[in-house]
Amino acid sequence: MSAALAQTHNFVSPDEYLEIDRAAERKSEYFDGEMFLMAGASKEHNRIAFSLSIVIGNQLRGEPCEPFGSDTRVKIPNKNFCFPDMSIACKPEWEDKKFDILLNPIVVFEVLSPSNEAWDRGGKFREYQRISSLREYVLVSQDKALIEIYSRREGGAWLLRSAEGRNQTIALESIENLVLPLAEVYERVVFEDEESQSIPNF
C-alpha cells in the first residue's frame, strides 16, 4: 500500500481505530495507538498491483489458497493493522463477521515506492514477522523490474531471493506452482530509463 501521508498524533484504541476507519472514505493503517492516513498511489503502482492480482488470481483459480487485495486489512498480533497491496491465505481466518480483517496470511505483497520503501523494508517488515502464519514477504519494485521474496526459515531467519529483468520469473515456496513472471507483473509499465531510450536523437 502507498506510504503514510499523515498521522493523528492522538492516541486511539484498536476498537476506536476500526470504528473510525471502517466509516472513512480514505483508509489508514494503525500502529501503536496512532492512525496513519494512506497516500494515493501512483499510476505505475496501480498498474503493477493490478497486474499482480491478475497473475496470482489466474494461477490460484480453483485452488484452496485465495488472494486478497489492498482493501483487506491484515492484523498484527500486537493489535496493529496494515493494508498490504495483496495477501494470500489458505483457509482464511477473520477477526469478525465483517470479513475485512485477515488474521492468517501466508504471503504478503508490498509494491515499493520512494516514499514507502524504507518503511516497507524496515519497520513494517518487522511488524509482519509477528504473524505466525506468514511464510513469505514479497517486495515488488516500482522503478525497475525487480521482485524480492523473503522466506521464513526455522529459528526466525528470513532468506532473501530475487529476480530482476522482464525476462525473469520467480516462484513462491509457500504455495506450490505459484510463479511470478516479471514480464506479466510489469506489463504496460515503462521505467524512466526506458522512456529516455525511446526518445529519438536528431
C-alpha atoms as a PDB file:
ATOM      1  CA  MET A   1       0.000   0.000   0.000  1.00  0.00           C
ATOM      2  CA  SER A   2       1.160   3.575  -0.530  1.00  0.00           C
ATOM      3  CA  ALA A   3       3.098   5.356   2.164  1.00  0.00           C
ATOM      4  CA  ALA A   4       1.535   7.009   5.173  1.00  0.00           C
ATOM      5  CA  LEU A   5       0.645  10.612   4.407  1.00  0.00           C
ATOM      6  CA  ALA A   6      -0.219  11.926   7.862  1.00  0.00           C
ATOM      7  CA  GLN A   7      -0.796  10.717  11.395  1.00  0.00           C
ATOM      8  CA  THR A   8      -3.251  11.724  14.064  1.00  0.00           C
ATOM      9  CA  HIS A   9      -0.831  12.314  16.978  1.00  0.00           C
ATOM     10  CA  ASN A  10      -3.786  11.433  19.224  1.00  0.00           C
ATOM     11  CA  PHE A  11      -3.884   8.019  20.870  1.00  0.00           C
ATOM     12  CA  VAL A  12      -6.795   5.854  19.801  1.00  0.00           C
ATOM     13  CA  SER A  13      -7.560   2.305  20.851  1.00  0.00           C
ATOM     14  CA  PRO A  14      -7.726  -0.527  18.284  1.00  0.00           C
ATOM     15  CA  ASP A  15     -11.524  -0.579  18.599  1.00  0.00           C
ATOM     16  CA  GLU A  16     -11.721   3.188  18.070  1.00  0.00           C
ATOM     17  CA  TYR A  17      -9.453   2.904  15.048  1.00  0.00           C
ATOM     18  CA  LEU A  18     -11.664   0.263  13.438  1.00  0.00           C
ATOM     19  CA  GLU A  19     -14.821   2.271  14.067  1.00  0.00           C
ATOM     20  CA  ILE A  20     -13.280   5.389  12.507  1.00  0.00           C
ATOM     21  CA  ASP A  21     -11.543   3.678   9.612  1.00  0.00           C
ATOM     22  CA  ARG A  22     -14.430   1.489   8.537  1.00  0.00           C
ATOM     23  CA  ALA A  23     -16.541   4.619   8.103  1.00  0.00           C
ATOM     24  CA  ALA A  24     -13.826   6.669   6.389  1.00  0.00           C
ATOM     25  CA  GLU A  25     -13.507   7.255   2.653  1.00  0.00           C
ATOM     26  CA  ARG A  26      -9.708   7.090   2.839  1.00  0.00           C
ATOM     27  CA  LYS A  27      -8.152   4.243   4.765  1.00  0.00           C
ATOM     28  CA  SER A  28      -5.497   4.445   7.487  1.00  0.00           C
ATOM     29  CA  GLU A  29      -3.074   1.959   8.927  1.00  0.00           C
ATOM     30  CA  TYR A  30      -2.722   1.681  12.688  1.00  0.00           C
ATOM     31  CA  PHE A  31       0.488   1.358  14.688  1.00  0.00           C
ATOM     32  CA  ASP A  32       0.912   1.645  18.462  1.00  0.00           C
ATOM     33  CA  GLY A  33      -2.145   3.809  19.082  1.00  0.00           C
ATOM     34  CA  GLU A  34      -1.825   6.137  16.078  1.00  0.00           C
ATOM     35  CA  MET A  35      -3.592   6.216  12.728  1.00  0.00           C
ATOM     36  CA  PHE A  36      -1.614   6.832   9.540  1.00  0.00           C
ATOM     37  CA  LEU A  37      -3.570   8.023   6.515  1.00  0.00           C
ATOM     38  CA  MET A  38      -2.648   6.179   3.332  1.00  0.00           C
ATOM     39  CA  ALA A  39      -1.404   8.333   0.466  1.00  0.00           C
ATOM     40  CA  GLY A  40      -2.714   7.994  -3.059  1.00  0.00           C
ATOM     41  CA  ALA A  41      -0.913   5.513  -5.292  1.00  0.00           C
ATOM     42  CA  SER A  42       0.902   6.431  -8.493  1.00  0.00           C
ATOM     43  CA  LYS A  43      -0.166   5.255 -11.946  1.00  0.00           C
ATOM     44  CA  GLU A  44       2.664   2.735 -12.097  1.00  0.00           C
ATOM     45  CA  HIS A  45       1.929   1.469  -8.585  1.00  0.00           C
ATOM     46  CA  ASN A  46      -1.662   0.800  -9.606  1.00  0.00           C
ATOM     47  CA  ARG A  47      -0.618  -0.901 -12.832  1.00  0.00           C
ATOM     48  CA  ILE A  48       1.761  -3.229 -11.018  1.00  0.00           C
ATOM     49  CA  ALA A  49      -0.733  -4.067  -8.274  1.00  0.00           C
ATOM     50  CA  PHE A  50      -3.466  -4.725 -10.852  1.00  0.00           C
ATOM     51  CA  SER A  51      -1.228  -6.976 -12.967  1.00  0.00           C
ATOM     52  CA  LEU A  52      -0.057  -8.795  -9.860  1.00  0.00           C
ATOM     53  CA  SER A  53      -3.659  -9.527  -8.904  1.00  0.00           C
ATOM     54  CA  ILE A  54      -4.357 -10.945 -12.385  1.00  0.00           C
ATOM     55  CA  VAL A  55      -1.232 -13.124 -12.416  1.00  0.00           C
ATOM     56  CA  ILE A  56      -1.902 -14.535  -8.958  1.00  0.00           C
ATOM     57  CA  GLY A  57      -5.668 -14.738  -9.316  1.00  0.00           C
ATOM     58  CA  ASN A  58      -5.429 -16.767 -12.526  1.00  0.00           C
ATOM     59  CA  GLN A  59      -2.976 -19.234 -11.010  1.00  0.00           C
ATOM     60  CA  LEU A  60      -4.991 -19.695  -7.825  1.00  0.00           C
ATOM     61  CA  ARG A  61      -8.319 -20.203  -9.575  1.00  0.00           C
ATOM     62  CA  GLY A  62      -9.837 -23.410  -8.209  1.00  0.00           C
ATOM     63  CA  GLU A  63      -7.098 -23.757  -5.592  1.00  0.00           C
ATOM     64  CA  PRO A  64      -7.632 -23.747  -1.800  1.00  0.00           C
ATOM     65  CA  CYS A  65      -5.484 -20.650  -1.259  1.00  0.00           C
ATOM     66  CA  GLU A  66      -7.109 -17.299  -2.029  1.00  0.00           C
ATOM     67  CA  PRO A  67      -5.714 -13.835  -2.873  1.00  0.00           C
ATOM     68  CA  PHE A  68      -6.982 -10.630  -1.244  1.00  0.00           C
ATOM     69  CA  GLY A  69      -6.490  -7.071  -2.460  1.00  0.00           C
ATOM     70  CA  SER A  70      -5.481  -3.816  -0.840  1.00  0.00           C
ATOM     71  CA  ASP A  71      -8.876  -3.255   0.806  1.00  0.00           C
ATOM     72  CA  THR A  72      -8.271  -6.183   3.165  1.00  0.00           C
ATOM     73  CA  ARG A  73      -6.600  -5.316   6.453  1.00  0.00           C
ATOM     74  CA  VAL A  74      -4.056  -7.668   7.983  1.00  0.00           C
ATOM     75  CA  LYS A  75      -3.986  -7.774  11.769  1.00  0.00           C
ATOM     76  CA  ILE A  76      -0.666  -7.930  13.582  1.00  0.00           C
ATOM     77  CA  PRO A  77      -0.801  -9.939  16.855  1.00  0.00           C
ATOM     78  CA  ASN A  78       0.026  -6.820  18.898  1.00  0.00           C
ATOM     79  CA  LYS A  79      -3.233  -5.273  17.571  1.00  0.00           C
ATOM     80  CA  ASN A  80      -1.671  -3.176  14.842  1.00  0.00           C
ATOM     81  CA  PHE A  81      -3.323  -3.153  11.407  1.00  0.00           C
ATOM     82  CA  CYS A  82      -1.807  -2.930   7.911  1.00  0.00           C
ATOM     83  CA  PHE A  83      -3.170  -2.716   4.370  1.00  0.00           C
ATOM     84  CA  PRO A  84      -0.764  -4.702   2.160  1.00  0.00           C
ATOM     85  CA  ASP A  85      -1.108  -4.369  -1.592  1.00  0.00           C
ATOM     86  CA  MET A  86      -2.018  -8.044  -1.701  1.00  0.00           C
ATOM     87  CA  SER A  87      -2.120 -11.033   0.601  1.00  0.00           C
ATOM     88  CA  ILE A  88      -2.775 -14.750   0.218  1.00  0.00           C
ATOM     89  CA  ALA A  89      -4.373 -17.029   2.785  1.00  0.00           C
ATOM     90  CA  CYS A  90      -5.211 -20.726   2.808  1.00  0.00           C
ATOM     91  CA  LYS A  91      -8.391 -21.316   4.821  1.00  0.00           C
ATOM     92  CA  PRO A  92      -8.614 -17.618   5.752  1.00  0.00           C
ATOM     93  CA  GLU A  93      -9.483 -16.658   9.314  1.00  0.00           C
ATOM     94  CA  TRP A  94     -11.215 -13.352  10.086  1.00  0.00           C
ATOM     95  CA  GLU A  95     -11.378 -11.002  13.043  1.00  0.00           C
ATOM     96  CA  ASP A  96     -15.174 -10.697  12.904  1.00  0.00           C
ATOM     97  CA  LYS A  97     -18.217 -11.074  10.666  1.00  0.00           C
ATOM     98  CA  LYS A  98     -17.312  -8.009   8.594  1.00  0.00           C
ATOM     99  CA  PHE A  99     -14.645 -10.159   6.894  1.00  0.00           C
ATOM    100  CA  ASP A 100     -12.278  -7.238   6.300  1.00  0.00           C
ATOM    101  CA  ILE A 101      -9.515  -8.135   8.792  1.00  0.00           C
ATOM    102  CA  LEU A 102      -7.397 -11.123   7.801  1.00  0.00           C
ATOM    103  CA  LEU A 103      -5.660 -12.960  10.643  1.00  0.00           C
ATOM    104  CA  ASN A 104      -3.611 -15.666   8.914  1.00  0.00           C
ATOM    105  CA  PRO A 105      -1.941 -14.556   5.674  1.00  0.00           C
ATOM    106  CA  ILE A 106       0.651 -16.955   4.332  1.00  0.00           C
ATOM    107  CA  VAL A 107       2.088 -14.402   1.869  1.00  0.00           C
ATOM    108  CA  VAL A 108       2.043 -10.593   1.938  1.00  0.00           C
ATOM    109  CA  PHE A 109       2.939  -8.348  -1.038  1.00  0.00           C
ATOM    110  CA  GLU A 110       4.008  -4.702  -0.987  1.00  0.00           C
ATOM    111  CA  VAL A 111       4.639  -2.573  -4.091  1.00  0.00           C
ATOM    112  CA  LEU A 112       7.501  -0.239  -3.233  1.00  0.00           C
ATOM    113  CA  SER A 113       7.683   3.488  -3.920  1.00  0.00           C
ATOM    114  CA  PRO A 114      10.317   6.124  -2.997  1.00  0.00           C
ATOM    115  CA  SER A 115       8.195   7.334  -0.083  1.00  0.00           C
ATOM    116  CA  ASN A 116       7.422   3.951   1.476  1.00  0.00           C
ATOM    117  CA  GLU A 117      10.388   1.731   0.607  1.00  0.00           C
ATOM    118  CA  ALA A 118      12.386   2.295   3.809  1.00  0.00           C
ATOM    119  CA  TRP A 119       9.312   1.620   5.974  1.00  0.00           C
ATOM    120  CA  ASP A 120       8.265  -1.474   3.995  1.00  0.00           C
ATOM    121  CA  ARG A 121      11.774  -2.921   4.249  1.00  0.00           C
ATOM    122  CA  GLY A 122      12.216  -1.994   7.910  1.00  0.00           C
ATOM    123  CA  GLY A 123       9.522  -1.325  10.479  1.00  0.00           C
ATOM    124  CA  LYS A 124       6.632  -2.743   8.506  1.00  0.00           C
ATOM    125  CA  PHE A 125       8.519  -5.945   7.726  1.00  0.00           C
ATOM    126  CA  ARG A 126       9.247  -6.363  11.435  1.00  0.00           C
ATOM    127  CA  GLU A 127       5.541  -5.964  12.147  1.00  0.00           C
ATOM    128  CA  TYR A 128       4.619  -8.609   9.593  1.00  0.00           C
ATOM    129  CA  GLN A 129       7.137 -11.026  11.096  1.00  0.00           C
ATOM    130  CA  ARG A 130       4.961 -11.178  14.224  1.00  0.00           C
ATOM    131  CA  ILE A 131       2.312 -13.068  12.235  1.00  0.00           C
ATOM    132  CA  SER A 132       2.962 -16.744  12.879  1.00  0.00           C
ATOM    133  CA  SER A 133       1.205 -17.910   9.701  1.00  0.00           C
ATOM    134  CA  LEU A 134       3.328 -15.702   7.417  1.00  0.00           C
ATOM    135  CA  ARG A 135       5.775 -17.700   5.320  1.00  0.00           C
ATOM    136  CA  GLU A 136       6.820 -15.171   2.655  1.00  0.00           C
ATOM    137  CA  TYR A 137       7.085 -11.401   2.267  1.00  0.00           C
ATOM    138  CA  VAL A 138       7.216 -10.161  -1.323  1.00  0.00           C
ATOM    139  CA  LEU A 139       8.540  -6.720  -2.310  1.00  0.00           C
ATOM    140  CA  VAL A 140       7.805  -5.523  -5.836  1.00  0.00           C
ATOM    141  CA  SER A 141       9.873  -2.588  -7.076  1.00  0.00           C
ATOM    142  CA  GLN A 142       8.177   0.302  -8.846  1.00  0.00           C
ATOM    143  CA  ASP A 143      11.209   1.815 -10.604  1.00  0.00           C
ATOM    144  CA  LYS A 144      12.708  -1.361 -12.095  1.00  0.00           C
ATOM    145  CA  ALA A 145      11.630  -4.907 -12.949  1.00  0.00           C
ATOM    146  CA  LEU A 146      12.651  -6.445  -9.627  1.00  0.00           C
ATOM    147  CA  ILE A 147      10.843  -8.785  -7.237  1.00  0.00           C
ATOM    148  CA  GLU A 148      12.349  -9.779  -3.889  1.00  0.00           C
ATOM    149  CA  ILE A 149      10.976 -12.598  -1.741  1.00  0.00           C
ATOM    150  CA  TYR A 150      11.848 -13.071   1.922  1.00  0.00           C
ATOM    151  CA  SER A 151      11.065 -16.641   3.041  1.00  0.00           C
ATOM    152  CA  ARG A 152      10.816 -17.638   6.694  1.00  0.00           C
ATOM    153  CA  ARG A 153      13.218 -20.320   7.935  1.00  0.00           C
ATOM    154  CA  GLU A 154      13.318 -22.289  11.161  1.00  0.00           C
ATOM    155  CA  GLY A 155      14.613 -20.238  14.068  1.00  0.00           C
ATOM    156  CA  GLY A 156      13.124 -16.999  12.738  1.00  0.00           C
ATOM    157  CA  ALA A 157      15.641 -16.241   9.964  1.00  0.00           C
ATOM    158  CA  TRP A 158      14.423 -14.898   6.613  1.00  0.00           C
ATOM    159  CA  LEU A 159      16.096 -15.935   3.350  1.00  0.00           C
ATOM    160  CA  LEU A 160      16.123 -13.407   0.504  1.00  0.00           C
ATOM    161  CA  ARG A 161      15.695 -14.483  -3.122  1.00  0.00           C
ATOM    162  CA  SER A 162      15.235 -12.082  -6.022  1.00  0.00           C
ATOM    163  CA  ALA A 163      14.652 -11.881  -9.762  1.00  0.00           C
ATOM    164  CA  GLU A 164      15.465  -8.837 -11.887  1.00  0.00           C
ATOM    165  CA  GLY A 165      14.592  -8.201 -15.523  1.00  0.00           C
ATOM    166  CA  ARG A 166      11.416  -8.605 -17.539  1.00  0.00           C
ATOM    167  CA  ASN A 167      12.588 -11.972 -18.896  1.00  0.00           C
ATOM    168  CA  GLN A 168      12.893 -13.490 -15.402  1.00  0.00           C
ATOM    169  CA  THR A 169      10.458 -15.483 -13.274  1.00  0.00           C
ATOM    170  CA  ILE A 170      10.444 -16.260  -9.566  1.00  0.00           C
ATOM    171  CA  ALA A 171       8.459 -18.923  -7.709  1.00  0.00           C
ATOM    172  CA  LEU A 172       6.983 -18.777  -4.248  1.00  0.00           C
ATOM    173  CA  GLU A 173       7.979 -21.550  -1.867  1.00  0.00           C
ATOM    174  CA  SER A 174       4.891 -21.430   0.325  1.00  0.00           C
ATOM    175  CA  ILE A 175       2.360 -22.129  -2.434  1.00  0.00           C
ATOM    176  CA  GLU A 176       3.104 -24.920  -4.880  1.00  0.00           C
ATOM    177  CA  ASN A 177       3.307 -23.987  -8.554  1.00  0.00           C
ATOM    178  CA  LEU A 178       2.755 -20.253  -7.972  1.00  0.00           C
ATOM    179  CA  VAL A 179       5.184 -18.424 -10.260  1.00  0.00           C
ATOM    180  CA  LEU A 180       5.583 -14.686 -10.902  1.00  0.00           C
ATOM    181  CA  PRO A 181       6.678 -13.913 -14.493  1.00  0.00           C
ATOM    182  CA  LEU A 182       8.082 -10.392 -14.320  1.00  0.00           C
ATOM    183  CA  ALA A 183       7.007  -9.676 -17.901  1.00  0.00           C
ATOM    184  CA  GLU A 184       3.385 -10.104 -16.814  1.00  0.00           C
ATOM    185  CA  VAL A 185       3.726  -8.314 -13.479  1.00  0.00           C
ATOM    186  CA  TYR A 186       5.271  -5.282 -15.216  1.00  0.00           C
ATOM    187  CA  GLU A 187       3.005  -5.284 -18.266  1.00  0.00           C
ATOM    188  CA  ARG A 188       2.385  -1.705 -19.523  1.00  0.00           C
ATOM    189  CA  VAL A 189       4.881  -0.295 -17.018  1.00  0.00           C
ATOM    190  CA  VAL A 190       7.532   1.973 -18.573  1.00  0.00           C
ATOM    191  CA  PHE A 191      10.536   2.900 -16.435  1.00  0.00           C
ATOM    192  CA  GLU A 192      12.416   6.194 -16.699  1.00  0.00           C
ATOM    193  CA  ASP A 193      15.453   4.667 -18.395  1.00  0.00           C
ATOM    194  CA  GLU A 194      13.187   3.021 -20.968  1.00  0.00           C
ATOM    195  CA  GLU A 195      11.455   6.342 -21.656  1.00  0.00           C
ATOM    196  CA  SER A 196      14.795   8.024 -22.357  1.00  0.00           C
ATOM    197  CA  GLN A 197      15.824   5.208 -24.707  1.00  0.00           C
ATOM    198  CA  SER A 198      12.601   5.608 -26.681  1.00  0.00           C
ATOM    199  CA  ILE A 199      13.284   9.295 -27.442  1.00  0.00           C
ATOM    200  CA  PRO A 200      14.982   9.593 -30.875  1.00  0.00           C
ATOM    201  CA  ASN A 201      18.237  11.514 -31.204  1.00  0.00           C
ATOM    202  CA  PHE A 202      18.391  14.039 -34.036  1.00  0.00           C
END
